[in-house]
Amino acid sequence: MGSLYMMLVVICLAVPIDVASTIYLEEFAPKSRLTDLIEVNIKNLAAVPSIVFGLLGAAVFINFLNLPRSAPLVNGLMLTLMTLPTIIIATRATLQGTFPTLRKAALGLSASKTQMVFHHVLPVTFPSILIATIIGVAQALGETAPLLLIGMNAFVASIPGSIVD
């Protein structure tokens, strides 16, 4: 039950944040030094070992924010941070892989840029975005080192009743 609650937290937080940030960075953000810096940091986050995320989760979520130890909420928040680069990079590759003629055709038929993205590009790329999400969530489910640092024990004496138990 703890893993189920933890994955629900990851899915509810990671998917909207990752997909929205990818759409903004790829489609709407002007190319500048700031977006280049964000892109480099996203790629660097993908190379960070999971144990470092565990230390970050223990320091920020438990020591600084005083969230309860071993709760699926804390572990879900930390695993959400871990899945950010995975889903963003895969979704970005999907958005970059769409045919430019699809974009040009939508804009040529007087669609706005927002309509072009949400009515033409996203429906075409939805299956690939879903696969990227599944890969990110599966990676999060397989991580154990950060969970051990936060205190999610292998022996659970009682089944958690909610995401804060």
N, C-alpha and C. Protein backbone atom coordinates (compact mmCIF):
# COMPACT_ATOMS: atom_id res chain seq x y z
N MET A 1 0.83 -1.20 0.00
CA MET A 1 0.00 0.00 0.00
C MET A 1 0.86 1.25 0.00
N GLY A 2 2.00 1.18 0.71
CA GLY A 2 2.90 2.34 0.74
C GLY A 2 3.45 2.66 -0.64
N SER A 3 3.80 1.62 -1.41
CA SER A 3 4.30 1.84 -2.77
C SER A 3 3.21 2.40 -3.67
N LEU A 4 1.98 1.92 -3.48
CA LEU A 4 0.86 2.43 -4.27
C LEU A 4 0.62 3.90 -3.99
N TYR A 5 0.59 4.28 -2.70
CA TYR A 5 0.41 5.69 -2.35
C TYR A 5 1.56 6.55 -2.88
N MET A 6 2.76 6.01 -2.76
CA MET A 6 3.93 6.75 -3.23
C MET A 6 3.87 6.98 -4.74
N MET A 7 3.48 5.96 -5.49
CA MET A 7 3.39 6.11 -6.94
C MET A 7 2.24 7.05 -7.33
N LEU A 8 1.16 7.05 -6.56
CA LEU A 8 0.08 8.01 -6.83
C LEU A 8 0.56 9.44 -6.65
N VAL A 9 1.38 9.68 -5.63
CA VAL A 9 1.95 11.01 -5.43
C VAL A 9 2.85 11.37 -6.60
N VAL A 10 3.68 10.42 -7.02
CA VAL A 10 4.60 10.68 -8.14
C VAL A 10 3.81 10.98 -9.42
N ILE A 11 2.80 10.18 -9.71
CA ILE A 11 2.04 10.39 -10.94
C ILE A 11 1.29 11.71 -10.90
N CYS A 12 0.67 12.02 -9.76
CA CYS A 12 -0.12 13.26 -9.67
C CYS A 12 0.74 14.51 -9.72
N LEU A 13 1.98 14.43 -9.27
CA LEU A 13 2.84 15.61 -9.28
C LEU A 13 3.77 15.67 -10.50
N ALA A 14 4.40 14.55 -10.81
CA ALA A 14 5.44 14.56 -11.85
C ALA A 14 4.87 14.77 -13.24
N VAL A 15 3.80 14.08 -13.57
CA VAL A 15 3.30 14.13 -14.93
C VAL A 15 2.86 15.55 -15.34
N PRO A 16 2.01 16.23 -14.58
CA PRO A 16 1.63 17.58 -15.02
C PRO A 16 2.80 18.56 -15.03
N ILE A 17 3.66 18.48 -14.01
CA ILE A 17 4.80 19.41 -13.95
C ILE A 17 5.74 19.16 -15.11
N ASP A 18 6.07 17.90 -15.36
CA ASP A 18 7.03 17.57 -16.42
C ASP A 18 6.51 17.91 -17.80
N VAL A 19 5.30 17.52 -18.09
CA VAL A 19 4.75 17.77 -19.43
C VAL A 19 4.54 19.26 -19.65
N ALA A 20 4.04 19.97 -18.65
CA ALA A 20 3.83 21.41 -18.81
C ALA A 20 5.15 22.15 -18.98
N SER A 21 6.16 21.78 -18.20
CA SER A 21 7.45 22.46 -18.35
C SER A 21 8.10 22.14 -19.68
N THR A 22 7.93 20.91 -20.15
CA THR A 22 8.49 20.56 -21.46
C THR A 22 7.80 21.32 -22.58
N ILE A 23 6.50 21.41 -22.52
CA ILE A 23 5.77 22.16 -23.55
C ILE A 23 6.18 23.62 -23.54
N TYR A 24 6.31 24.18 -22.35
CA TYR A 24 6.73 25.59 -22.28
C TYR A 24 8.13 25.78 -22.83
N LEU A 25 9.07 24.95 -22.38
CA LEU A 25 10.46 25.11 -22.82
C LEU A 25 10.62 24.87 -24.32
N GLU A 26 9.90 23.90 -24.84
CA GLU A 26 10.09 23.54 -26.25
C GLU A 26 9.30 24.43 -27.19
N GLU A 27 8.11 24.84 -26.80
CA GLU A 27 7.23 25.52 -27.74
C GLU A 27 7.11 27.03 -27.51
N PHE A 28 7.11 27.46 -26.26
CA PHE A 28 6.77 28.85 -25.99
C PHE A 28 7.91 29.71 -25.45
N ALA A 29 8.88 29.12 -24.78
CA ALA A 29 9.96 29.91 -24.17
C ALA A 29 10.88 30.46 -25.25
N PRO A 30 11.21 31.75 -25.15
CA PRO A 30 12.17 32.30 -26.11
C PRO A 30 13.56 31.72 -25.85
N LYS A 31 14.29 31.49 -26.91
CA LYS A 31 15.64 30.95 -26.77
C LYS A 31 16.53 32.04 -26.20
N SER A 32 17.05 31.81 -25.00
CA SER A 32 17.92 32.79 -24.34
C SER A 32 18.92 32.04 -23.47
N ARG A 33 19.74 32.80 -22.78
CA ARG A 33 20.71 32.17 -21.88
C ARG A 33 20.01 31.45 -20.74
N LEU A 34 18.89 31.99 -20.29
CA LEU A 34 18.17 31.36 -19.19
C LEU A 34 17.62 30.00 -19.59
N THR A 35 17.01 29.90 -20.77
CA THR A 35 16.50 28.59 -21.20
C THR A 35 17.64 27.62 -21.48
N ASP A 36 18.76 28.12 -21.99
CA ASP A 36 19.92 27.24 -22.18
C ASP A 36 20.44 26.72 -20.84
N LEU A 37 20.45 27.59 -19.83
CA LEU A 37 20.88 27.18 -18.49
C LEU A 37 19.93 26.14 -17.90
N ILE A 38 18.64 26.34 -18.10
CA ILE A 38 17.65 25.37 -17.60
C ILE A 38 17.83 24.03 -18.30
N GLU A 39 18.05 24.03 -19.60
CA GLU A 39 18.24 22.79 -20.34
C GLU A 39 19.48 22.04 -19.88
N VAL A 40 20.57 22.76 -19.64
CA VAL A 40 21.80 22.12 -19.15
C VAL A 40 21.57 21.53 -17.77
N ASN A 41 20.86 22.25 -16.91
CA ASN A 41 20.60 21.74 -15.56
C ASN A 41 19.69 20.51 -15.59
N ILE A 42 18.73 20.48 -16.49
CA ILE A 42 17.88 19.29 -16.61
C ILE A 42 18.70 18.08 -17.03
N LYS A 43 19.60 18.27 -17.99
CA LYS A 43 20.46 17.16 -18.43
C LYS A 43 21.41 16.73 -17.32
N ASN A 44 21.90 17.69 -16.54
CA ASN A 44 22.79 17.34 -15.42
C ASN A 44 22.04 16.60 -14.32
N LEU A 45 20.78 16.95 -14.09
CA LEU A 45 19.99 16.25 -13.08
C LEU A 45 19.79 14.78 -13.44
N ALA A 46 19.77 14.48 -14.72
CA ALA A 46 19.61 13.09 -15.15
C ALA A 46 20.83 12.24 -14.76
N ALA A 47 21.97 12.87 -14.57
CA ALA A 47 23.20 12.14 -14.25
C ALA A 47 23.47 12.05 -12.75
N VAL A 48 22.62 12.66 -11.93
CA VAL A 48 22.83 12.63 -10.48
C VAL A 48 22.46 11.25 -9.94
N PRO A 49 23.32 10.65 -9.13
CA PRO A 49 22.99 9.34 -8.56
C PRO A 49 21.80 9.43 -7.61
N SER A 50 21.09 8.32 -7.48
CA SER A 50 19.88 8.33 -6.66
C SER A 50 20.18 8.55 -5.18
N ILE A 51 21.37 8.19 -4.75
CA ILE A 51 21.71 8.38 -3.35
C ILE A 51 21.77 9.86 -2.99
N VAL A 52 22.17 10.68 -3.95
CA VAL A 52 22.21 12.13 -3.73
C VAL A 52 20.79 12.67 -3.58
N PHE A 53 19.86 12.14 -4.37
CA PHE A 53 18.46 12.55 -4.21
C PHE A 53 17.93 12.12 -2.84
N GLY A 54 18.38 10.98 -2.34
CA GLY A 54 18.00 10.54 -1.02
C GLY A 54 18.50 11.49 0.06
N LEU A 55 19.74 11.93 -0.08
CA LEU A 55 20.29 12.90 0.88
C LEU A 55 19.54 14.23 0.79
N LEU A 56 19.22 14.65 -0.42
CA LEU A 56 18.45 15.88 -0.60
C LEU A 56 17.07 15.75 0.03
N GLY A 57 16.41 14.62 -0.19
CA GLY A 57 15.10 14.40 0.40
C GLY A 57 15.14 14.39 1.91
N ALA A 58 16.16 13.74 2.48
CA ALA A 58 16.29 13.70 3.94
C ALA A 58 16.55 15.10 4.50
N ALA A 59 17.39 15.86 3.80
CA ALA A 59 17.73 17.20 4.30
C ALA A 59 16.57 18.17 4.16
N VAL A 60 15.94 18.19 3.00
CA VAL A 60 14.92 19.20 2.74
C VAL A 60 13.57 18.80 3.32
N PHE A 61 13.08 17.63 2.97
CA PHE A 61 11.72 17.26 3.34
C PHE A 61 11.59 16.87 4.81
N ILE A 62 12.61 16.22 5.37
CA ILE A 62 12.49 15.76 6.75
C ILE A 62 13.07 16.79 7.72
N ASN A 63 14.30 17.25 7.48
CA ASN A 63 14.93 18.16 8.42
C ASN A 63 14.41 19.59 8.31
N PHE A 64 14.24 20.08 7.10
CA PHE A 64 13.84 21.48 6.92
C PHE A 64 12.33 21.68 6.99
N LEU A 65 11.57 20.85 6.28
CA LEU A 65 10.11 21.00 6.24
C LEU A 65 9.39 20.20 7.33
N ASN A 66 10.14 19.37 8.08
CA ASN A 66 9.59 18.58 9.18
C ASN A 66 8.42 17.68 8.76
N LEU A 67 8.51 17.09 7.60
CA LEU A 67 7.50 16.12 7.17
C LEU A 67 7.78 14.80 7.87
N PRO A 68 6.77 13.94 8.03
CA PRO A 68 6.99 12.69 8.78
C PRO A 68 7.92 11.73 8.05
N ARG A 69 8.78 11.07 8.82
CA ARG A 69 9.70 10.08 8.26
C ARG A 69 8.91 8.88 7.75
N SER A 70 9.40 8.29 6.70
CA SER A 70 8.87 7.04 6.16
C SER A 70 7.45 7.16 5.62
N ALA A 71 6.98 8.35 5.36
CA ALA A 71 5.64 8.51 4.81
C ALA A 71 5.70 8.43 3.29
N PRO A 72 4.70 7.82 2.66
CA PRO A 72 4.66 7.79 1.20
C PRO A 72 4.66 9.18 0.57
N LEU A 73 4.15 10.18 1.29
CA LEU A 73 4.16 11.55 0.76
C LEU A 73 5.58 12.06 0.57
N VAL A 74 6.43 11.87 1.58
CA VAL A 74 7.81 12.34 1.50
C VAL A 74 8.56 11.60 0.41
N ASN A 75 8.40 10.30 0.37
CA ASN A 75 9.08 9.50 -0.66
C ASN A 75 8.55 9.83 -2.05
N GLY A 76 7.26 10.08 -2.17
CA GLY A 76 6.69 10.47 -3.46
C GLY A 76 7.21 11.80 -3.93
N LEU A 77 7.36 12.76 -3.01
CA LEU A 77 7.91 14.07 -3.39
C LEU A 77 9.35 13.93 -3.87
N MET A 78 10.12 13.11 -3.17
CA MET A 78 11.52 12.95 -3.57
C MET A 78 11.64 12.21 -4.91
N LEU A 79 10.82 11.18 -5.09
CA LEU A 79 10.87 10.45 -6.37
C LEU A 79 10.32 11.30 -7.51
N THR A 80 9.44 12.24 -7.20
CA THR A 80 8.98 13.18 -8.22
C THR A 80 10.16 14.00 -8.73
N LEU A 81 11.01 14.45 -7.83
CA LEU A 81 12.21 15.19 -8.26
C LEU A 81 13.13 14.31 -9.10
N MET A 82 13.19 13.03 -8.78
CA MET A 82 14.05 12.13 -9.55
C MET A 82 13.53 11.88 -10.96
N THR A 83 12.22 11.88 -11.12
CA THR A 83 11.67 11.58 -12.44
C THR A 83 11.62 12.80 -13.35
N LEU A 84 11.80 13.98 -12.80
CA LEU A 84 11.74 15.19 -13.63
C LEU A 84 12.62 15.11 -14.88
N PRO A 85 13.92 14.85 -14.75
CA PRO A 85 14.74 14.86 -15.97
C PRO A 85 14.38 13.74 -16.94
N THR A 86 14.01 12.58 -16.44
CA THR A 86 13.70 11.46 -17.32
C THR A 86 12.51 11.78 -18.21
N ILE A 87 11.43 12.24 -17.61
CA ILE A 87 10.22 12.51 -18.39
C ILE A 87 10.42 13.74 -19.26
N ILE A 88 11.10 14.77 -18.75
CA ILE A 88 11.29 15.98 -19.54
C ILE A 88 12.14 15.69 -20.79
N ILE A 89 13.22 14.96 -20.63
CA ILE A 89 14.10 14.68 -21.77
C ILE A 89 13.37 13.83 -22.82
N ALA A 90 12.65 12.80 -22.37
CA ALA A 90 11.94 11.96 -23.33
C ALA A 90 10.79 12.70 -24.01
N THR A 91 10.07 13.50 -23.26
CA THR A 91 8.97 14.27 -23.85
C THR A 91 9.50 15.33 -24.81
N ARG A 92 10.61 15.91 -24.47
CA ARG A 92 11.22 16.92 -25.34
C ARG A 92 11.66 16.30 -26.66
N ALA A 93 12.24 15.12 -26.59
CA ALA A 93 12.64 14.44 -27.83
C ALA A 93 11.42 14.12 -28.69
N THR A 94 10.32 13.79 -28.04
CA THR A 94 9.08 13.51 -28.76
C THR A 94 8.56 14.77 -29.46
N LEU A 95 8.55 15.88 -28.75
CA LEU A 95 8.07 17.13 -29.35
C LEU A 95 8.98 17.60 -30.48
N GLN A 96 10.28 17.38 -30.33
CA GLN A 96 11.20 17.77 -31.39
C GLN A 96 11.09 16.86 -32.60
N GLY A 97 10.60 15.64 -32.38
CA GLY A 97 10.51 14.67 -33.47
C GLY A 97 9.26 14.80 -34.33
N THR A 98 8.36 15.70 -33.99
CA THR A 98 7.17 15.85 -34.82
C THR A 98 7.55 16.52 -36.14
N PHE A 99 6.79 16.23 -37.16
CA PHE A 99 7.10 16.78 -38.47
C PHE A 99 6.87 18.29 -38.48
N PRO A 100 7.82 19.04 -39.02
CA PRO A 100 7.62 20.50 -39.10
C PRO A 100 6.45 20.87 -40.01
N THR A 101 6.13 20.00 -40.96
CA THR A 101 5.01 20.29 -41.85
C THR A 101 3.68 20.31 -41.10
N LEU A 102 3.58 19.52 -40.02
CA LEU A 102 2.37 19.54 -39.21
C LEU A 102 2.19 20.91 -38.56
N ARG A 103 3.26 21.44 -38.06
CA ARG A 103 3.20 22.77 -37.44
C ARG A 103 2.90 23.85 -38.48
N LYS A 104 3.58 23.76 -39.60
CA LYS A 104 3.37 24.76 -40.65
C LYS A 104 1.96 24.70 -41.21
N ALA A 105 1.43 23.49 -41.35
CA ALA A 105 0.07 23.35 -41.87
C ALA A 105 -0.95 23.95 -40.91
N ALA A 106 -0.77 23.69 -39.62
CA ALA A 106 -1.70 24.25 -38.63
C ALA A 106 -1.62 25.77 -38.61
N LEU A 107 -0.41 26.29 -38.64
CA LEU A 107 -0.26 27.75 -38.65
C LEU A 107 -0.74 28.35 -39.96
N GLY A 108 -0.59 27.61 -41.05
CA GLY A 108 -1.06 28.07 -42.36
C GLY A 108 -2.57 28.12 -42.46
N LEU A 109 -3.24 27.32 -41.64
CA LEU A 109 -4.70 27.34 -41.61
C LEU A 109 -5.22 28.29 -40.53
N SER A 110 -4.40 29.26 -40.18
CA SER A 110 -4.69 30.35 -39.25
C SER A 110 -4.94 29.90 -37.82
N ALA A 111 -4.32 28.83 -37.41
CA ALA A 111 -4.38 28.44 -36.00
C ALA A 111 -3.33 29.25 -35.24
N SER A 112 -3.64 29.61 -34.02
CA SER A 112 -2.65 30.29 -33.19
C SER A 112 -1.59 29.28 -32.75
N LYS A 113 -0.51 29.77 -32.17
CA LYS A 113 0.54 28.86 -31.74
C LYS A 113 0.03 27.93 -30.64
N THR A 114 -0.80 28.45 -29.74
CA THR A 114 -1.38 27.64 -28.69
C THR A 114 -2.29 26.55 -29.27
N GLN A 115 -3.11 26.92 -30.23
CA GLN A 115 -3.97 25.93 -30.88
C GLN A 115 -3.15 24.89 -31.62
N MET A 116 -2.08 25.34 -32.26
CA MET A 116 -1.22 24.41 -32.98
C MET A 116 -0.62 23.38 -32.03
N VAL A 117 -0.17 23.83 -30.86
CA VAL A 117 0.45 22.92 -29.91
C VAL A 117 -0.58 21.98 -29.31
N PHE A 118 -1.69 22.52 -28.82
CA PHE A 118 -2.64 21.70 -28.06
C PHE A 118 -3.61 20.91 -28.93
N HIS A 119 -3.87 21.36 -30.14
CA HIS A 119 -4.84 20.66 -30.99
C HIS A 119 -4.19 19.78 -32.06
N HIS A 120 -2.93 20.04 -32.38
CA HIS A 120 -2.29 19.28 -33.46
C HIS A 120 -1.06 18.51 -33.01
N VAL A 121 -0.15 19.18 -32.30
CA VAL A 121 1.11 18.52 -31.93
C VAL A 121 0.90 17.54 -30.77
N LEU A 122 0.23 17.96 -29.70
CA LEU A 122 0.06 17.08 -28.54
C LEU A 122 -0.75 15.81 -28.84
N PRO A 123 -1.84 15.88 -29.60
CA PRO A 123 -2.53 14.62 -29.90
C PRO A 123 -1.66 13.62 -30.68
N VAL A 124 -0.78 14.12 -31.53
CA VAL A 124 0.10 13.24 -32.29
C VAL A 124 1.17 12.63 -31.39
N THR A 125 1.67 13.42 -30.44
CA THR A 125 2.76 12.96 -29.58
C THR A 125 2.28 12.31 -28.28
N PHE A 126 0.98 12.27 -28.05
CA PHE A 126 0.47 11.73 -26.79
C PHE A 126 0.94 10.31 -26.48
N PRO A 127 0.93 9.37 -27.44
CA PRO A 127 1.42 8.02 -27.10
C PRO A 127 2.87 8.01 -26.64
N SER A 128 3.71 8.81 -27.26
CA SER A 128 5.12 8.85 -26.87
C SER A 128 5.29 9.53 -25.51
N ILE A 129 4.48 10.54 -25.24
CA ILE A 129 4.53 11.19 -23.93
C ILE A 129 4.08 10.21 -22.85
N LEU A 130 3.09 9.40 -23.15
CA LEU A 130 2.62 8.39 -22.21
C LEU A 130 3.70 7.36 -21.94
N ILE A 131 4.43 6.96 -22.96
CA ILE A 131 5.53 6.01 -22.78
C ILE A 131 6.63 6.63 -21.93
N ALA A 132 6.95 7.90 -22.17
CA ALA A 132 7.96 8.59 -21.35
C ALA A 132 7.53 8.64 -19.89
N THR A 133 6.25 8.86 -19.67
CA THR A 133 5.73 8.89 -18.30
C THR A 133 5.83 7.52 -17.65
N ILE A 134 5.50 6.48 -18.38
CA ILE A 134 5.59 5.12 -17.84
C ILE A 134 7.04 4.78 -17.50
N ILE A 135 7.97 5.18 -18.35
CA ILE A 135 9.39 4.91 -18.08
C ILE A 135 9.84 5.65 -16.83
N GLY A 136 9.44 6.92 -16.69
CA GLY A 136 9.82 7.70 -15.51
C GLY A 136 9.24 7.12 -14.23
N VAL A 137 7.98 6.72 -14.26
CA VAL A 137 7.34 6.17 -13.07
C VAL A 137 7.92 4.79 -12.74
N ALA A 138 8.22 3.99 -13.74
CA ALA A 138 8.84 2.69 -13.50
C ALA A 138 10.24 2.85 -12.90
N GLN A 139 10.97 3.84 -13.37
CA GLN A 139 12.28 4.12 -12.80
C GLN A 139 12.14 4.52 -11.34
N ALA A 140 11.16 5.36 -11.04
CA ALA A 140 10.94 5.79 -9.66
C ALA A 140 10.55 4.61 -8.77
N LEU A 141 9.74 3.71 -9.29
CA LEU A 141 9.31 2.55 -8.50
C LEU A 141 10.48 1.63 -8.19
N GLY A 142 11.46 1.59 -9.08
CA GLY A 142 12.61 0.72 -8.88
C GLY A 142 13.71 1.29 -8.00
N GLU A 143 13.62 2.54 -7.64
CA GLU A 143 14.66 3.15 -6.81
C GLU A 143 14.49 2.75 -5.36
N THR A 144 15.58 2.28 -4.74
CA THR A 144 15.52 1.90 -3.34
C THR A 144 16.47 2.69 -2.46
N ALA A 145 17.61 3.12 -3.01
CA ALA A 145 18.61 3.81 -2.18
C ALA A 145 18.06 5.09 -1.54
N PRO A 146 17.36 5.96 -2.28
CA PRO A 146 16.85 7.16 -1.62
C PRO A 146 15.78 6.85 -0.59
N LEU A 147 15.02 5.79 -0.81
CA LEU A 147 13.97 5.44 0.14
C LEU A 147 14.56 4.94 1.45
N LEU A 148 15.68 4.25 1.37
CA LEU A 148 16.33 3.80 2.59
C LEU A 148 16.85 4.97 3.40
N LEU A 149 17.35 5.99 2.72
CA LEU A 149 17.84 7.16 3.44
C LEU A 149 16.71 7.92 4.12
N ILE A 150 15.57 7.98 3.48
CA ILE A 150 14.45 8.71 4.07
C ILE A 150 13.84 7.90 5.21
N GLY A 151 14.00 6.60 5.18
CA GLY A 151 13.53 5.80 6.30
C GLY A 151 12.37 4.89 5.99
N MET A 152 12.11 4.64 4.73
CA MET A 152 11.04 3.70 4.41
C MET A 152 11.60 2.31 4.63
N ASN A 153 11.15 1.65 5.66
CA ASN A 153 11.70 0.36 6.07
C ASN A 153 11.18 -0.77 5.21
N ALA A 154 11.99 -1.84 5.12
CA ALA A 154 11.55 -3.01 4.38
C ALA A 154 10.45 -3.75 5.13
N PHE A 155 10.46 -3.67 6.46
CA PHE A 155 9.41 -4.28 7.27
C PHE A 155 8.41 -3.21 7.66
N VAL A 156 7.18 -3.40 7.26
CA VAL A 156 6.12 -2.45 7.59
C VAL A 156 5.20 -3.13 8.57
N ALA A 157 5.07 -2.53 9.76
CA ALA A 157 4.28 -3.15 10.82
C ALA A 157 2.79 -3.00 10.57
N SER A 158 2.38 -1.91 9.90
CA SER A 158 0.97 -1.70 9.63
C SER A 158 0.80 -1.10 8.24
N ILE A 159 -0.34 -1.33 7.66
CA ILE A 159 -0.62 -0.81 6.32
C ILE A 159 -0.99 0.66 6.44
N PRO A 160 -0.33 1.55 5.66
CA PRO A 160 -0.69 2.96 5.76
C PRO A 160 -2.11 3.20 5.28
N GLY A 161 -2.81 4.07 5.99
CA GLY A 161 -4.19 4.38 5.64
C GLY A 161 -4.33 5.57 4.73
N SER A 162 -3.31 6.42 4.66
CA SER A 162 -3.35 7.59 3.79
C SER A 162 -1.92 7.94 3.39
N ILE A 163 -1.76 9.01 2.61
CA ILE A 163 -0.42 9.34 2.10
C ILE A 163 0.45 9.99 3.16
N VAL A 164 -0.07 10.33 4.32
CA VAL A 164 0.76 10.94 5.36
C VAL A 164 1.05 9.97 6.51
N ASP A 165 0.56 8.73 6.44
CA ASP A 165 0.83 7.74 7.49
C ASP A 165 2.22 7.16 7.33
